[in-house]
């Protein structure tokens, strides 16, 4: 995993990732973090690359990563 971390991710690992990256996003469900991702290379027209995606096991398969 990059940035270096162990699973399951801890709040400290997520905070370190956010501090070293820009445009981090956390999806919440019932006030708790359900997924995390970074967006890279924003381009004209709204296109970007997505990286460092992590989805909590209990919400996998429920569409949290769909746009």
N, C-alpha and C. Protein backbone atom coordinates (compact mmCIF):
# COMPACT_ATOMS: atom_id res chain seq x y z
N UNK A 1 0.84 -1.18 0.00
CA UNK A 1 0.00 0.00 0.00
C UNK A 1 0.88 1.24 0.00
N UNK A 2 0.50 2.24 -0.76
CA UNK A 2 1.22 3.51 -0.76
C UNK A 2 0.22 4.62 -0.46
N UNK A 3 0.50 5.55 0.40
CA UNK A 3 1.71 5.61 1.20
C UNK A 3 1.78 4.44 2.17
N UNK A 4 2.97 4.18 2.68
CA UNK A 4 3.19 3.01 3.52
C UNK A 4 2.24 3.02 4.71
N UNK A 5 1.53 1.90 4.89
CA UNK A 5 0.59 1.76 5.98
C UNK A 5 0.27 0.28 6.15
N UNK A 6 -0.38 -0.06 7.22
CA UNK A 6 -0.84 -1.42 7.43
C UNK A 6 -2.37 -1.41 7.49
N UNK A 7 -2.96 -2.54 7.15
CA UNK A 7 -4.41 -2.65 7.15
C UNK A 7 -4.85 -3.38 8.40
N UNK A 8 -5.90 -3.02 9.07
CA UNK A 8 -6.76 -1.91 8.71
C UNK A 8 -6.11 -0.56 9.02
N UNK A 9 -6.43 0.41 8.20
CA UNK A 9 -5.86 1.75 8.37
C UNK A 9 -6.33 2.35 9.68
N UNK A 10 -5.43 3.05 10.33
CA UNK A 10 -5.77 3.75 11.57
C UNK A 10 -6.01 5.22 11.24
N UNK A 11 -6.67 5.95 12.12
CA UNK A 11 -6.83 7.39 11.89
C UNK A 11 -5.49 8.10 11.69
N UNK A 12 -4.46 7.67 12.42
CA UNK A 12 -3.14 8.28 12.27
C UNK A 12 -2.55 8.05 10.89
N UNK A 13 -2.74 6.84 10.35
CA UNK A 13 -2.24 6.55 9.01
C UNK A 13 -2.96 7.41 7.97
N UNK A 14 -4.26 7.56 8.12
CA UNK A 14 -5.01 8.40 7.19
C UNK A 14 -4.58 9.85 7.30
N UNK A 15 -4.37 10.34 8.53
CA UNK A 15 -3.93 11.72 8.71
C UNK A 15 -2.58 11.96 8.05
N UNK A 16 -1.66 11.00 8.18
CA UNK A 16 -0.35 11.13 7.55
C UNK A 16 -0.48 11.14 6.03
N UNK A 17 -1.37 10.31 5.48
CA UNK A 17 -1.57 10.28 4.04
C UNK A 17 -2.14 11.60 3.54
N UNK A 18 -3.10 12.13 4.27
CA UNK A 18 -3.71 13.40 3.87
C UNK A 18 -2.69 14.53 3.92
N UNK A 19 -1.83 14.52 4.93
CA UNK A 19 -0.82 15.57 5.07
C UNK A 19 0.20 15.54 3.93
N UNK A 20 0.44 14.35 3.37
CA UNK A 20 1.46 14.23 2.32
C UNK A 20 0.86 14.28 0.92
N UNK A 21 -0.43 14.34 0.79
CA UNK A 21 -1.11 14.35 -0.51
C UNK A 21 -2.09 15.52 -0.55
N UNK A 22 -2.56 15.82 -1.74
CA UNK A 22 -3.61 16.84 -1.86
C UNK A 22 -4.88 16.19 -2.39
N UNK A 23 -5.97 16.87 -2.18
CA UNK A 23 -7.27 16.44 -2.68
C UNK A 23 -7.69 15.07 -2.18
N UNK A 24 -7.48 14.81 -0.90
CA UNK A 24 -7.93 13.56 -0.29
C UNK A 24 -9.44 13.63 -0.06
N UNK A 25 -10.09 12.48 -0.16
CA UNK A 25 -11.52 12.41 0.03
C UNK A 25 -11.87 11.26 0.95
N UNK A 26 -12.75 11.49 1.90
CA UNK A 26 -13.25 10.45 2.78
C UNK A 26 -14.76 10.38 2.58
N UNK A 27 -15.26 9.18 2.28
CA UNK A 27 -16.71 8.97 2.19
C UNK A 27 -17.19 8.51 3.56
N UNK A 28 -18.26 9.11 4.06
CA UNK A 28 -18.79 8.76 5.37
C UNK A 28 -20.14 8.06 5.25
N UNK A 29 -20.38 7.17 6.17
CA UNK A 29 -21.67 6.50 6.28
C UNK A 29 -22.03 6.48 7.76
N UNK A 30 -23.14 7.06 8.11
CA UNK A 30 -23.58 7.16 9.51
C UNK A 30 -22.52 7.80 10.40
N UNK A 31 -21.84 8.82 9.88
CA UNK A 31 -20.85 9.56 10.65
C UNK A 31 -19.50 8.88 10.81
N UNK A 32 -19.30 7.75 10.14
CA UNK A 32 -18.03 7.02 10.22
C UNK A 32 -17.40 6.94 8.85
N UNK A 33 -16.06 6.92 8.81
CA UNK A 33 -15.36 6.80 7.53
C UNK A 33 -15.67 5.45 6.89
N UNK A 34 -16.12 5.48 5.64
CA UNK A 34 -16.44 4.26 4.90
C UNK A 34 -15.43 4.00 3.80
N UNK A 35 -14.82 5.07 3.26
CA UNK A 35 -13.85 4.91 2.17
C UNK A 35 -12.96 6.14 2.10
N UNK A 36 -11.81 5.96 1.48
CA UNK A 36 -10.81 7.01 1.36
C UNK A 36 -10.18 6.90 -0.02
N UNK A 37 -9.87 8.03 -0.65
CA UNK A 37 -9.16 8.03 -1.93
C UNK A 37 -8.49 9.38 -2.14
N UNK A 38 -7.49 9.40 -3.01
CA UNK A 38 -6.83 10.63 -3.43
C UNK A 38 -7.16 10.87 -4.89
N UNK A 39 -7.28 12.14 -5.26
CA UNK A 39 -7.45 12.52 -6.65
C UNK A 39 -6.18 13.21 -7.12
N UNK A 40 -5.70 12.84 -8.29
CA UNK A 40 -4.46 13.38 -8.84
C UNK A 40 -4.70 13.97 -10.22
N UNK A 41 -3.85 14.88 -10.60
CA UNK A 41 -3.83 15.44 -11.96
C UNK A 41 -5.20 15.93 -12.42
N UNK A 42 -5.77 16.88 -11.68
CA UNK A 42 -7.02 17.49 -12.12
C UNK A 42 -6.80 18.12 -13.49
N UNK A 43 -7.70 17.90 -14.41
CA UNK A 43 -7.57 18.42 -15.77
C UNK A 43 -8.84 19.18 -16.16
N UNK A 44 -8.71 20.00 -17.18
CA UNK A 44 -9.86 20.70 -17.72
C UNK A 44 -10.92 19.68 -18.12
N UNK A 45 -12.15 19.97 -17.84
CA UNK A 45 -13.23 19.06 -18.17
C UNK A 45 -13.60 18.13 -17.03
N UNK A 46 -12.92 18.29 -15.88
CA UNK A 46 -13.27 17.49 -14.72
C UNK A 46 -12.67 16.11 -14.66
N UNK A 47 -11.67 15.82 -15.50
CA UNK A 47 -11.04 14.50 -15.47
C UNK A 47 -9.91 14.47 -14.46
N UNK A 48 -9.73 13.32 -13.81
CA UNK A 48 -8.62 13.16 -12.88
C UNK A 48 -8.29 11.68 -12.75
N UNK A 49 -7.17 11.39 -12.10
CA UNK A 49 -6.80 10.02 -11.77
C UNK A 49 -7.15 9.79 -10.31
N UNK A 50 -7.48 8.56 -9.97
CA UNK A 50 -7.82 8.20 -8.60
C UNK A 50 -6.78 7.22 -8.09
N UNK A 51 -6.35 7.41 -6.85
CA UNK A 51 -5.38 6.49 -6.27
C UNK A 51 -5.60 6.30 -4.79
N UNK A 52 -4.88 5.34 -4.22
CA UNK A 52 -4.93 5.06 -2.78
C UNK A 52 -6.35 4.86 -2.29
N UNK A 53 -7.09 4.03 -2.98
CA UNK A 53 -8.48 3.77 -2.61
C UNK A 53 -8.54 2.72 -1.50
N UNK A 54 -9.26 3.01 -0.44
CA UNK A 54 -9.49 2.06 0.65
C UNK A 54 -10.96 2.11 1.01
N UNK A 55 -11.60 0.94 1.06
CA UNK A 55 -13.02 0.86 1.38
C UNK A 55 -13.19 -0.09 2.56
N UNK A 56 -13.93 0.34 3.57
CA UNK A 56 -14.17 -0.49 4.75
C UNK A 56 -14.86 -1.79 4.34
N UNK A 57 -14.45 -2.92 4.92
CA UNK A 57 -15.02 -4.21 4.53
C UNK A 57 -16.55 -4.25 4.60
N UNK A 58 -17.14 -3.61 5.59
CA UNK A 58 -18.59 -3.69 5.75
C UNK A 58 -19.38 -2.92 4.71
N UNK A 59 -18.72 -2.08 3.91
CA UNK A 59 -19.44 -1.33 2.87
C UNK A 59 -18.98 -1.72 1.46
N UNK A 60 -18.08 -2.66 1.34
CA UNK A 60 -17.65 -3.11 0.01
C UNK A 60 -18.83 -3.73 -0.73
N UNK A 61 -18.88 -3.46 -2.04
CA UNK A 61 -19.96 -3.99 -2.86
C UNK A 61 -21.24 -3.19 -2.78
N UNK A 62 -21.22 -2.07 -2.08
CA UNK A 62 -22.43 -1.25 -1.93
C UNK A 62 -22.39 0.02 -2.75
N UNK A 63 -21.36 0.19 -3.60
CA UNK A 63 -21.32 1.32 -4.52
C UNK A 63 -20.65 2.57 -4.01
N UNK A 64 -19.90 2.50 -2.91
CA UNK A 64 -19.27 3.70 -2.38
C UNK A 64 -18.29 4.32 -3.37
N UNK A 65 -17.73 3.52 -4.28
CA UNK A 65 -16.76 4.03 -5.25
C UNK A 65 -17.36 4.44 -6.58
N UNK A 66 -18.67 4.33 -6.74
CA UNK A 66 -19.29 4.70 -8.01
C UNK A 66 -19.45 6.20 -8.11
N UNK A 67 -19.36 6.72 -9.31
CA UNK A 67 -19.54 8.14 -9.55
C UNK A 67 -20.81 8.34 -10.30
